[in-house]
Amino acid sequence: MVEKNTREIDTRDKGSLDHPAVPKGSVSRWLIGLIVFAVFAGALISGVRSRVRAQATLRTVTQQMAMPSVSVVRPKQAAPAQEIILPGNIQPFISSPIYARTDGYLKKWYFDIGAHVKAGELLAVIESPEIDQQLVQARATLDTARANLELSRITMVRYQGLLLKHAVAQQDVDNAVGSYNANNAIVAADEASVQHYAALVSFEKVYAPFDGVIIARNTDIGNLINSGSSTAPRTDLFQISQTGVLRVYVNVPQEYSQGIKPGETSADIVLAEFPGRRFAGELVRTSEAINITTRTLLVEIDVPNPKGSLLTGSYAEVHLKIPAQNSAYLLPVNALIFRTDSLQVGVVKDGKVTITDVTPGHDFGAEIEIVSGLNSDDQVVMNPPDSLVTGQTVQIVQATLPGDFK
């Protein structure tokens, strides 16, 4: 055992002689240096990576900022029929002043304003004594002419019988025949004169020419009535209007004229005194000509008025439903691009813009009708910037559906 320990000591002594011992301080400094280097290298690598990441982020942000962001909207299909509102004037179906056809003084009138009369009803009586006397004189003259005619007829027949017996000359017979023919013509003339004065006397009674309403009475009992036979102006006794059916005249702008079809275009009448109520009418005719001054088409609409609710002369709003073009679309006005070439819009497809020419239709204020240049699936740029050009790449940030705008 002593020998074993002795050998171990000898062995350690030999090792110590062969490998000198390393100082502990040197090992510690080496480890610290290694750690500092590792930390420095890690910080350097982390800084480089942060800078690379920041540059990549900056590059991405720059590209995004260089790409404009736009909102788009899809065109809305126009309604199959659009309603336009126009001012109209309500007029009676028939309106006529009633004039006298004979001179005299008004003896009596039977109806005042607002009265509903039937055709043939007596409205007034005119007193004309001189016309009555002229009729009496004409009849007396006619009686005289008829008596002379009868005498000439008897004479003619007698002479024709004597001529057969050769008792009278042919000249005498011819004179008798001529006298008869002359008296016959006189009778015809006197009969016409009697009919003339009889007609004047019949005009002393004034009758209603049709069913209607008396809207004006312009004379009174005792007034002098002038039929227009002298230089004095004629006297209109009454103004009568037929109001069972009313006419409404409307001036339709030229741009809507092609959609106006008698018997097909729907028309309703609205009046301020009947809130919430519409009166159905029928578009019956047009002037078939554009007024060169107003550039409008005159249209007549007939409106039934059986209860007389509507008054002639009233102002009305006429609602016309006019068929729209099948290919028409509606766009907000802030989607339009106004440039020197034409009216345009920006259409986005596959992330790129195409500037497209469009043809406008009717302007509805916040919306405008586009009759050509668009499809239903187009994405149109809203509020397009002035710098927007064809081929420019854009980013869609908001899409508006057709029902989202009005």
Protein backbone atom coordinates (compact mmCIF):
# COMPACT_ATOMS: atom_id res chain seq x y z
CA MET A 1 0.00 0.00 0.00
CA VAL A 2 2.86 2.29 0.78
CA GLU A 3 4.33 1.38 -2.53
CA LYS A 4 1.07 2.24 -4.34
CA ASN A 5 0.90 5.70 -2.90
CA THR A 6 4.51 6.18 -3.67
CA ARG A 7 3.81 5.29 -7.33
CA GLU A 8 0.88 7.69 -7.55
CA ILE A 9 3.01 10.47 -6.18
CA ASP A 10 5.71 9.69 -8.66
CA THR A 11 3.21 9.66 -11.46
CA ARG A 12 1.81 13.08 -10.54
CA ASP A 13 5.25 14.47 -10.20
CA LYS A 14 6.16 13.25 -13.65
CA GLY A 15 3.03 14.78 -15.13
CA SER A 16 3.76 18.03 -13.50
CA LEU A 17 7.18 18.02 -14.92
CA ASP A 18 5.90 17.25 -18.46
CA HIS A 19 2.88 19.84 -18.55
CA PRO A 20 3.32 23.01 -16.68
CA ALA A 21 0.00 24.27 -14.97
CA VAL A 22 -2.18 27.08 -16.74
CA PRO A 23 -2.99 30.07 -14.59
CA LYS A 24 -6.69 30.42 -13.69
CA GLY A 25 -6.79 34.17 -14.52
CA SER A 26 -5.97 33.61 -18.17
CA VAL A 27 -8.87 31.20 -18.63
CA SER A 28 -11.33 33.70 -17.15
CA ARG A 29 -10.21 36.52 -19.45
CA TRP A 30 -10.52 34.25 -22.46
CA LEU A 31 -14.08 33.30 -21.58
CA ILE A 32 -15.09 36.93 -20.99
CA GLY A 33 -13.66 37.98 -24.33
CA LEU A 34 -15.50 35.20 -26.08
CA ILE A 35 -18.78 36.23 -24.45
CA VAL A 36 -18.29 39.91 -25.33
CA PHE A 37 -17.55 38.98 -28.93
CA ALA A 38 -20.66 36.82 -29.11
CA VAL A 39 -22.80 39.63 -27.69
CA PHE A 40 -21.33 42.16 -30.11
CA ALA A 41 -21.81 39.83 -33.06
CA GLY A 42 -25.44 39.17 -32.01
CA ALA A 43 -26.17 42.87 -31.68
CA LEU A 44 -24.60 43.55 -35.05
CA ILE A 45 -26.59 40.81 -36.74
CA SER A 46 -29.82 41.99 -35.04
CA GLY A 47 -29.21 45.58 -36.18
CA VAL A 48 -28.57 44.48 -39.75
CA ARG A 49 -31.72 42.39 -39.78
CA SER A 50 -33.78 45.26 -38.33
CA ARG A 51 -32.46 47.60 -40.99
CA VAL A 52 -33.23 45.11 -43.75
CA ARG A 53 -36.74 44.61 -42.36
CA ALA A 54 -37.26 48.39 -42.10
CA GLN A 55 -36.11 48.89 -45.67
CA ALA A 56 -38.49 46.17 -46.88
CA THR A 57 -41.34 47.75 -44.91
CA LEU A 58 -40.48 51.18 -46.29
CA ARG A 59 -40.39 49.80 -49.81
CA THR A 60 -43.82 48.19 -49.34
CA VAL A 61 -45.33 51.36 -47.85
CA THR A 62 -43.84 53.45 -50.65
CA GLN A 63 -45.36 51.16 -53.25
CA GLN A 64 -48.72 51.28 -51.50
CA MET A 65 -48.60 55.06 -51.26
CA ALA A 66 -47.71 55.29 -54.93
CA MET A 67 -50.82 53.19 -55.78
CA PRO A 68 -54.00 55.39 -55.50
CA SER A 69 -56.86 54.06 -53.42
CA VAL A 70 -60.27 54.47 -55.01
CA SER A 71 -63.90 53.74 -54.24
CA VAL A 72 -65.97 52.18 -56.99
CA VAL A 73 -69.65 51.77 -57.78
CA ARG A 74 -71.52 49.50 -60.14
CA PRO A 75 -74.02 51.10 -62.57
CA LYS A 76 -77.66 50.78 -61.61
CA GLN A 77 -80.13 49.63 -64.26
CA ALA A 78 -82.57 52.41 -65.10
CA ALA A 79 -86.22 51.80 -64.33
CA PRO A 80 -88.34 50.48 -67.23
CA ALA A 81 -90.40 53.68 -67.05
CA GLN A 82 -89.46 57.03 -65.61
CA GLU A 83 -91.90 59.56 -64.25
CA ILE A 84 -91.62 63.20 -65.14
CA ILE A 85 -93.68 65.96 -63.56
CA LEU A 86 -94.79 68.91 -65.68
CA PRO A 87 -97.15 71.84 -65.13
CA GLY A 88 -100.52 71.67 -66.83
CA ASN A 89 -103.61 73.83 -67.34
CA ILE A 90 -107.06 72.36 -66.88
CA GLN A 91 -109.54 73.47 -69.51
CA PRO A 92 -113.14 72.44 -70.28
CA PHE A 93 -113.72 69.88 -72.99
CA ILE A 94 -115.96 72.41 -74.79
CA SER A 95 -116.20 76.10 -73.98
CA SER A 96 -118.19 78.62 -75.95
CA PRO A 97 -119.54 82.16 -75.60
CA ILE A 98 -123.25 82.49 -76.35
CA TYR A 99 -123.98 85.43 -78.69
CA ALA A 100 -127.28 86.91 -79.80
CA ARG A 101 -128.27 86.49 -83.45
CA THR A 102 -130.78 89.30 -83.45
CA ASP A 103 -130.84 92.89 -82.17
CA GLY A 104 -133.08 94.02 -79.36
CA TYR A 105 -133.33 94.34 -75.60
CA LEU A 106 -132.90 91.52 -73.10
CA LYS A 107 -136.36 90.70 -71.82
CA LYS A 108 -135.47 87.89 -69.38
CA TRP A 109 -132.69 85.48 -68.45
CA TYR A 110 -133.28 82.13 -66.74
CA PHE A 111 -129.87 80.86 -65.57
CA ASP A 112 -127.04 82.49 -63.68
CA ILE A 113 -123.39 81.47 -63.12
CA GLY A 114 -122.85 77.97 -61.78
CA ALA A 115 -126.10 76.66 -63.23
CA HIS A 116 -125.99 73.26 -64.91
CA VAL A 117 -128.02 73.31 -68.10
CA LYS A 118 -129.02 70.73 -70.67
CA ALA A 119 -128.75 71.09 -74.42
CA GLY A 120 -131.82 72.93 -75.76
CA GLU A 121 -132.80 74.62 -72.49
CA LEU A 122 -133.99 78.22 -72.79
CA LEU A 123 -131.38 80.62 -71.43
CA ALA A 124 -132.80 84.06 -72.24
CA VAL A 125 -135.40 85.95 -74.28
CA ILE A 126 -134.68 89.06 -76.39
CA GLU A 127 -137.42 91.53 -77.25
CA SER A 128 -137.24 92.79 -80.88
CA PRO A 129 -140.52 94.54 -81.92
CA GLU A 130 -139.11 95.80 -85.21
CA ILE A 131 -138.10 92.30 -86.24
CA ASP A 132 -141.57 91.03 -85.37
CA GLN A 133 -143.15 93.75 -87.56
CA GLN A 134 -140.81 93.01 -90.42
CA LEU A 135 -141.90 89.39 -90.25
CA VAL A 136 -145.56 90.47 -90.40
CA GLN A 137 -144.83 92.70 -93.41
CA ALA A 138 -142.93 89.91 -95.17
CA ARG A 139 -145.80 87.53 -94.69
CA ALA A 140 -148.28 90.09 -96.08
CA THR A 141 -146.05 90.64 -99.10
CA LEU A 142 -145.89 86.91 -99.59
CA ASP A 143 -149.69 86.69 -99.52
CA THR A 144 -149.91 89.38 -102.19
CA ALA A 145 -147.38 87.59 -104.33
CA ARG A 146 -149.25 84.34 -104.00
CA ALA A 147 -152.52 86.04 -105.03
CA ASN A 148 -150.82 87.53 -108.10
CA LEU A 149 -149.35 84.15 -108.87
CA GLU A 150 -152.75 82.50 -108.72
CA LEU A 151 -154.25 85.19 -111.03
CA SER A 152 -151.42 84.78 -113.52
CA ARG A 153 -151.85 81.02 -113.42
CA ILE A 154 -155.57 81.31 -114.24
CA THR A 155 -154.82 83.78 -117.07
CA MET A 156 -152.13 81.48 -118.49
CA VAL A 157 -154.44 78.46 -118.44
CA ARG A 158 -157.25 80.45 -120.09
CA TYR A 159 -155.00 81.76 -122.86
CA GLN A 160 -153.60 78.31 -123.52
CA GLY A 161 -157.19 76.99 -123.95
CA LEU A 162 -158.11 79.84 -126.32
CA LEU A 163 -154.96 79.21 -128.34
CA LEU A 164 -156.19 75.73 -129.13
CA LYS A 165 -159.34 77.34 -130.67
CA HIS A 166 -157.18 79.93 -132.47
CA ALA A 167 -159.03 82.67 -130.56
CA VAL A 168 -155.89 84.46 -129.35
CA ALA A 169 -152.49 85.12 -130.76
CA GLN A 170 -149.41 83.16 -129.72
CA GLN A 171 -147.91 86.38 -128.37
CA ASP A 172 -150.73 86.75 -125.87
CA VAL A 173 -150.16 83.21 -124.64
CA ASP A 174 -146.42 83.81 -124.26
CA ASN A 175 -147.11 87.00 -122.26
CA ALA A 176 -149.42 85.07 -119.90
CA VAL A 177 -146.86 82.31 -119.40
CA GLY A 178 -144.09 84.87 -118.72
CA SER A 179 -146.26 86.71 -116.22
CA TYR A 180 -146.93 83.44 -114.38
CA ASN A 181 -143.24 82.55 -114.21
CA ALA A 182 -142.36 86.02 -112.95
CA ASN A 183 -145.01 85.89 -110.23
CA ASN A 184 -143.80 82.42 -109.27
CA ALA A 185 -140.26 83.80 -108.77
CA ILE A 186 -141.64 86.69 -106.71
CA VAL A 187 -143.44 84.23 -104.48
CA ALA A 188 -140.22 82.25 -103.98
CA ALA A 189 -138.34 85.44 -103.07
CA ASP A 190 -141.06 86.52 -100.63
CA GLU A 191 -141.05 83.07 -99.05
CA ALA A 192 -137.28 83.37 -98.48
CA SER A 193 -137.82 86.80 -96.93
CA VAL A 194 -140.42 85.37 -94.57
CA GLN A 195 -138.05 82.55 -93.60
CA HIS A 196 -135.31 85.12 -92.96
CA TYR A 197 -137.39 87.20 -90.59
CA ALA A 198 -138.85 84.07 -89.01
CA ALA A 199 -135.31 82.93 -88.23
CA LEU A 200 -134.49 86.34 -86.71
CA VAL A 201 -137.58 86.12 -84.58
CA SER A 202 -136.61 82.60 -83.48
CA PHE A 203 -133.24 84.00 -82.39
CA GLU A 204 -135.09 86.08 -79.82
CA LYS A 205 -134.96 82.94 -77.71
CA VAL A 206 -131.45 81.84 -76.74
CA TYR A 207 -130.96 78.12 -76.08
CA ALA A 208 -128.07 76.11 -74.62
CA PRO A 209 -126.09 74.47 -77.45
CA PHE A 210 -124.83 71.56 -75.25
CA ASP A 211 -124.87 70.23 -71.71
CA GLY A 212 -122.66 72.34 -69.51
CA VAL A 213 -122.21 74.89 -66.77
CA ILE A 214 -122.81 78.63 -67.04
CA ILE A 215 -119.49 80.14 -65.97
CA ALA A 216 -120.29 83.76 -66.94
CA ARG A 217 -123.38 85.96 -67.49
CA ASN A 218 -122.44 89.19 -69.24
CA THR A 219 -125.79 90.94 -69.56
CA ASP A 220 -128.93 91.79 -67.63
CA ILE A 221 -132.58 92.63 -68.20
CA GLY A 222 -133.03 95.75 -70.33
CA ASN A 223 -129.54 95.71 -71.84
CA LEU A 224 -129.27 96.52 -75.52
CA ILE A 225 -128.24 93.43 -77.45
CA ASN A 226 -126.21 93.79 -80.63
CA SER A 227 -125.93 90.81 -82.93
CA GLY A 228 -123.03 92.28 -84.87
CA SER A 229 -125.09 93.55 -87.74
CA SER A 230 -123.79 97.06 -87.08
CA THR A 231 -120.32 98.40 -86.35
CA ALA A 232 -120.88 98.04 -82.59
CA PRO A 233 -119.18 95.01 -80.98
CA ARG A 234 -121.25 91.89 -80.53
CA THR A 235 -122.75 91.12 -77.15
CA ASP A 236 -121.93 87.74 -75.62
CA LEU A 237 -124.74 86.86 -73.25
CA PHE A 238 -123.28 83.82 -71.49
CA GLN A 239 -120.14 81.69 -71.31
CA ILE A 240 -120.91 77.99 -71.10
CA SER A 241 -118.45 75.12 -70.54
CA GLN A 242 -118.76 71.37 -70.70
CA THR A 243 -116.94 69.97 -67.66
CA GLY A 244 -117.91 66.28 -67.62
CA VAL A 245 -114.55 65.61 -69.26
CA LEU A 246 -111.66 68.06 -68.94
CA ARG A 247 -108.72 68.70 -71.21
CA VAL A 248 -105.27 69.18 -69.67
CA TYR A 249 -102.63 70.67 -71.96
CA VAL A 250 -98.96 70.01 -71.21
CA ASN A 251 -95.78 71.15 -72.95
CA VAL A 252 -93.39 68.17 -72.92
CA PRO A 253 -89.66 68.93 -73.46
CA GLN A 254 -88.23 67.73 -76.74
CA GLU A 255 -85.93 65.16 -75.10
CA TYR A 256 -88.97 63.21 -73.86
CA SER A 257 -91.05 63.59 -77.02
CA GLN A 258 -90.19 60.16 -78.48
CA GLY A 259 -91.63 58.43 -75.43
CA ILE A 260 -95.03 60.13 -75.78
CA LYS A 261 -97.48 57.69 -77.35
CA PRO A 262 -101.24 58.48 -77.38
CA GLY A 263 -103.15 55.66 -75.74
CA GLU A 264 -99.96 54.13 -74.28
CA THR A 265 -98.37 56.77 -72.04
CA SER A 266 -99.79 56.80 -68.51
CA ALA A 267 -100.83 60.18 -67.12
CA ASP A 268 -102.04 61.22 -63.66
CA ILE A 269 -103.17 64.65 -62.47
CA VAL A 270 -102.29 66.02 -59.03
CA LEU A 271 -103.69 69.22 -57.53
CA ALA A 272 -102.61 70.98 -54.35
CA GLU A 273 -106.19 71.18 -53.09
CA PHE A 274 -106.46 67.36 -53.16
CA PRO A 275 -103.38 66.19 -51.17
CA GLY A 276 -102.53 62.54 -51.59
CA ARG A 277 -105.02 62.06 -54.40
CA ARG A 278 -104.38 61.38 -58.07
CA PHE A 279 -106.83 61.73 -60.94
CA ALA A 280 -106.27 59.27 -63.76
CA GLY A 281 -106.14 60.71 -67.25
CA GLU A 282 -105.61 59.47 -70.79
CA LEU A 283 -103.11 60.93 -73.22
CA VAL A 284 -105.29 61.21 -76.32
CA ARG A 285 -103.33 63.32 -78.81
CA THR A 286 -100.27 65.44 -79.46
CA SER A 287 -99.58 68.30 -81.83
CA GLU A 288 -97.00 66.06 -83.61
CA ALA A 289 -94.73 69.08 -83.93
CA ILE A 290 -92.05 70.66 -81.76
CA ASN A 291 -92.69 74.29 -80.95
CA ILE A 292 -89.75 76.16 -82.44
CA THR A 293 -89.79 78.77 -79.65
CA THR A 294 -90.07 76.57 -76.57
CA ARG A 295 -88.73 73.29 -78.04
CA THR A 296 -91.68 71.45 -76.51
CA LEU A 297 -94.40 69.08 -77.72
CA LEU A 298 -97.98 70.08 -76.93
CA VAL A 299 -99.86 67.15 -75.39
CA GLU A 300 -103.55 66.81 -74.54
CA ILE A 301 -104.74 64.64 -71.65
CA ASP A 302 -108.44 63.95 -71.06
CA VAL A 303 -109.54 63.57 -67.45
CA PRO A 304 -113.05 62.34 -66.50
CA ASN A 305 -114.81 64.72 -64.12
CA PRO A 306 -118.26 63.18 -63.50
CA LYS A 307 -118.77 64.82 -60.08
CA GLY A 308 -117.36 68.18 -61.10
CA SER A 309 -114.62 68.03 -58.46
CA LEU A 310 -112.03 69.56 -60.78
CA LEU A 311 -112.50 73.18 -61.76
CA THR A 312 -111.60 74.56 -65.14
CA GLY A 313 -108.70 76.99 -65.22
CA SER A 314 -106.91 75.21 -62.37
CA TYR A 315 -103.16 74.62 -62.26
CA ALA A 316 -102.18 70.95 -62.02
CA GLU A 317 -99.08 68.80 -61.88
CA VAL A 318 -99.10 66.19 -64.61
CA HIS A 319 -97.22 62.94 -63.86
CA LEU A 320 -96.20 61.19 -67.07
CA LYS A 321 -94.61 57.74 -67.11
CA ILE A 322 -92.33 57.52 -70.12
CA PRO A 323 -90.58 54.25 -71.14
CA ALA A 324 -86.82 54.33 -70.59
CA GLN A 325 -84.18 52.88 -72.90
CA ASN A 326 -83.33 49.25 -72.10
CA SER A 327 -79.58 49.90 -72.18
CA ALA A 328 -79.67 52.91 -69.87
CA TYR A 329 -77.87 52.95 -66.51
CA LEU A 330 -77.79 55.36 -63.61
CA LEU A 331 -74.61 56.72 -62.05
CA PRO A 332 -73.92 59.26 -59.30
CA VAL A 333 -72.84 62.54 -60.86
CA ASN A 334 -69.62 62.52 -58.82
CA ALA A 335 -68.41 59.55 -60.88
CA LEU A 336 -68.15 61.64 -64.05
CA ILE A 337 -64.93 63.00 -65.52
CA PHE A 338 -65.35 66.30 -67.35
CA ARG A 339 -62.57 66.77 -69.87
CA THR A 340 -62.20 68.52 -73.19
CA ASP A 341 -62.67 65.36 -75.24
CA SER A 342 -66.03 64.17 -73.95
CA LEU A 343 -67.85 63.03 -70.86
CA GLN A 344 -65.92 60.09 -69.38
CA VAL A 345 -65.74 57.69 -66.44
CA GLY A 346 -62.96 55.58 -64.96
CA VAL A 347 -63.62 51.82 -65.07
CA VAL A 348 -61.46 49.49 -62.93
CA LYS A 349 -60.65 46.04 -64.33
CA ASP A 350 -57.99 43.70 -62.96
CA GLY A 351 -56.67 46.49 -60.75
CA LYS A 352 -56.11 48.92 -63.63
CA VAL A 353 -58.10 51.92 -64.78
CA THR A 354 -59.57 52.44 -68.24
CA ILE A 355 -60.93 55.89 -69.08
CA THR A 356 -64.16 55.26 -71.00
CA ASP A 357 -66.31 57.66 -73.03
CA VAL A 358 -70.01 57.62 -72.10
CA THR A 359 -73.14 59.19 -73.55
CA PRO A 360 -75.35 60.96 -71.02
CA GLY A 361 -79.13 60.85 -71.01
CA HIS A 362 -81.41 62.64 -68.59
CA ASP A 363 -79.98 64.51 -65.63
CA PHE A 364 -81.83 63.75 -62.38
CA GLY A 365 -79.73 65.96 -60.12
CA ALA A 366 -77.78 63.58 -57.88
CA GLU A 367 -77.88 60.90 -60.58
CA ILE A 368 -77.42 60.95 -64.33
CA GLU A 369 -78.61 58.54 -66.97
CA ILE A 370 -75.93 56.89 -69.14
CA VAL A 371 -77.35 55.55 -72.41
CA SER A 372 -74.14 54.06 -73.84
CA GLY A 373 -70.57 53.24 -72.86
CA LEU A 374 -71.22 51.13 -69.74
CA ASN A 375 -71.95 47.52 -68.81
CA SER A 376 -73.79 46.30 -65.76
CA ASP A 377 -70.67 44.65 -64.24
CA ASP A 378 -68.35 47.66 -64.66
CA GLN A 379 -66.68 49.10 -61.56
CA VAL A 380 -66.76 52.88 -61.94
CA VAL A 381 -64.41 55.08 -59.91
CA MET A 382 -66.13 57.48 -57.53
CA ASN A 383 -64.72 61.02 -57.19
CA PRO A 384 -61.95 60.37 -59.75
CA PRO A 385 -58.84 62.58 -59.36
CA ASP A 386 -57.72 64.77 -62.23
CA SER A 387 -54.52 62.73 -62.53
CA LEU A 388 -56.37 59.48 -63.26
CA VAL A 389 -55.24 58.00 -66.60
CA THR A 390 -55.77 54.80 -68.55
CA GLY A 391 -53.53 51.92 -67.42
CA GLN A 392 -52.94 53.33 -63.94
CA THR A 393 -52.86 50.73 -61.17
CA VAL A 394 -55.26 51.44 -58.32
CA GLN A 395 -56.38 49.81 -55.11
CA ILE A 396 -60.10 49.42 -54.42
CA VAL A 397 -60.88 50.33 -50.83
CA GLN A 398 -64.66 50.49 -50.99
CA ALA A 399 -67.20 49.09 -53.42
CA THR A 400 -70.72 50.52 -53.60
CA LEU A 401 -73.56 48.34 -54.81
CA PRO A 402 -76.21 49.73 -57.21
CA GLY A 403 -78.81 49.88 -54.46
CA ASP A 404 -76.55 51.89 -52.13
CA PHE A 405 -76.95 55.16 -54.01
CA LYS A 406 -80.04 57.06 -55.08
